[in-house]
Each structure stands twice: as structure tokens, then as C-alpha cells.
Protein backbone atom coordinates (compact mmCIF):
# COMPACT_ATOMS: atom_id res chain seq x y z
CA UNK A 1 -15.92 3.55 -7.41
CA UNK A 2 -16.33 1.83 -10.55
CA UNK A 3 -12.82 2.49 -11.74
CA UNK A 4 -11.45 1.57 -8.54
CA UNK A 5 -8.77 -1.48 -8.87
CA UNK A 6 -8.03 -3.80 -5.84
CA UNK A 7 -4.36 -4.74 -5.58
CA UNK A 8 -2.42 -6.80 -3.14
CA UNK A 9 1.03 -6.20 -1.87
CA UNK A 10 3.27 -8.00 0.73
CA UNK A 11 5.44 -5.81 2.72
CA UNK A 12 8.95 -7.52 3.81
CA UNK A 13 10.80 -6.54 6.42
CA UNK A 14 14.28 -6.69 5.98
CA UNK A 15 16.74 -8.77 8.47
CA UNK A 16 13.60 -9.71 10.07
CA UNK A 17 13.41 -13.21 11.72
CA UNK A 18 10.52 -15.27 10.23
CA UNK A 19 8.80 -15.04 12.63
CA UNK A 20 7.98 -11.41 11.38
CA UNK A 21 7.28 -13.43 7.72
CA UNK A 22 4.67 -15.80 8.79
CA UNK A 23 1.91 -14.73 8.32
CA UNK A 24 2.75 -13.39 4.95
CA UNK A 25 2.27 -9.47 5.64
CA UNK A 26 -0.19 -8.83 2.70
CA UNK A 27 -1.86 -5.63 2.59
CA UNK A 28 -5.03 -5.35 0.02
CA UNK A 29 -5.58 -1.49 -1.62
CA UNK A 30 -8.03 -0.10 -3.32
CA UNK A 31 -6.44 2.56 -6.08
CA UNK A 32 -8.45 5.20 -8.10
CA UNK A 33 -6.24 6.78 -10.73
CA UNK A 34 -8.97 8.92 -12.03
CA UNK A 35 -9.79 10.52 -8.58
CA UNK A 36 -6.24 9.73 -7.12
CA UNK A 37 -7.46 7.95 -3.99
CA UNK A 38 -6.46 5.14 -2.10
CA UNK A 39 -8.29 2.89 0.36
CA UNK A 40 -6.40 0.06 2.56
CA UNK A 41 -9.46 -2.60 2.75
CA UNK A 42 -9.05 -3.28 6.72
CA UNK A 43 -10.68 -2.85 9.75
CA UNK A 44 -8.87 0.40 10.70
CA UNK A 45 -10.68 1.71 7.24
CA UNK A 46 -13.98 0.38 7.79
CA UNK A 47 -14.08 1.89 10.99
CA UNK A 48 -13.00 4.77 9.54
CA UNK A 49 -9.68 5.58 11.23
CA UNK A 50 -7.28 5.16 8.17
CA UNK A 51 -6.45 8.49 6.85
CA UNK A 52 -4.50 8.67 3.22
CA UNK A 53 -2.26 11.20 2.23
CA UNK A 54 -1.79 10.54 -1.89
CA UNK A 55 1.46 12.58 -2.80
CA UNK A 56 2.46 11.47 -5.94
CA UNK A 57 -0.56 9.90 -8.53
CA UNK A 58 0.28 8.78 -12.18
CA UNK A 59 -2.16 6.93 -14.19
CA UNK A 60 -0.79 3.20 -14.00
CA UNK A 61 2.40 3.97 -13.61
CA UNK A 62 3.44 5.78 -10.04
CA UNK A 63 1.69 6.39 -6.64
CA UNK A 64 3.28 7.64 -3.31
CA UNK A 65 1.16 7.92 -0.41
CA UNK A 66 0.97 7.67 3.66
CA UNK A 67 -1.96 5.94 5.44
CA UNK A 68 -2.28 6.99 9.23
CA UNK A 69 -3.85 5.47 12.31
CA UNK A 70 -4.83 7.01 15.69
CA UNK A 71 -1.83 5.09 17.81
CA UNK A 72 0.30 3.85 15.36
CA UNK A 73 3.57 5.16 12.91
CA UNK A 74 1.95 5.85 9.68
CA UNK A 75 3.26 3.82 6.57
CA UNK A 76 4.71 5.65 3.69
CA UNK A 77 4.48 3.60 0.30
CA UNK A 78 6.28 4.31 -3.03
CA UNK A 79 4.96 2.01 -5.62
CA UNK A 80 6.19 1.73 -9.59
CA UNK A 81 3.49 0.07 -11.93
CA UNK A 82 4.60 -2.27 -14.60
CA UNK A 83 2.25 -4.54 -17.11
CA UNK A 84 -0.21 -1.51 -17.69
CA UNK A 85 -0.90 -1.00 -14.23
CA UNK A 86 -1.27 -4.81 -13.22
CA UNK A 87 1.79 -4.86 -11.26
CA UNK A 88 3.65 -3.09 -8.24
CA UNK A 89 7.16 -3.09 -7.35
CA UNK A 90 8.15 -0.76 -5.02
CA UNK A 91 8.77 0.05 -1.03
CA UNK A 92 7.41 1.20 2.29
CA UNK A 93 8.44 2.74 5.83
CA UNK A 94 6.79 2.45 9.05
CA UNK A 95 9.09 4.19 11.54
CA UNK A 96 12.56 2.53 11.53
CA UNK A 97 10.97 -0.69 9.73
CA UNK A 98 11.12 -0.08 5.95
CA UNK A 99 11.34 -2.72 2.97
CA UNK A 100 10.16 -3.85 -0.45
CA UNK A 101 6.33 -3.68 -1.24
CA UNK A 102 5.45 -5.74 -4.22
CA UNK A 103 2.09 -7.03 -5.63
CA UNK A 104 -0.28 -6.52 -8.23
CA UNK A 105 -3.89 -6.68 -9.23
CA UNK A 106 -6.11 -9.06 -6.84
């Protein structure tokens, strides 16, 4: 929607060999705080396969949500927003893989 903001985050993997960090692990999302919705800008979403469950939605300050795609382990995100909603610092978890999730307005 018109009130959606595009964010790019990078998910880092703790203890991962360099092969997991190159290329960079970027993910682009559209967040609409007015509607408390999030969408990932990827092929699975475009095909209608990715589902989202928003758990916490506080305008430009906090967002926790889970993404689910058939055949893949769900990804849990927990973000805190700074600079009036321009930056993200947080974490992600996908099964046994977890680490920082950082980024900002794209």
C-alpha cells in the first residue's frame, strides 16, 4: 500500500564459514505499520507461497513476525527500529540457524 516502507535486512549466521556470507544474505521487505502487515519481496511471495504471521507491531519501533514457505523451515524475525523507523537492529532464527538481522530503509 501507499503507507508501506521498503526495508533491506542482512541476516548473519553465527559461526558460519565464509561460503554462507558471500554473497551477502540480503532480504527485502515491505512493512505497513498502519495495517500491521509485512511482505517479503521474493519469488515465493510473488507466487503466493509465502505466508506471514505478525506477532508484535508497534509503529516504527518494534516488529516480530514469522515467514512460512512450503517445504522450508519457518523464519522468525524480531526487530527493533531506530531513527524514527529508518533503521533495524534485531535477530532472526530459522531452525538451528540464528543470528543478527540488521538493516534499514531501502
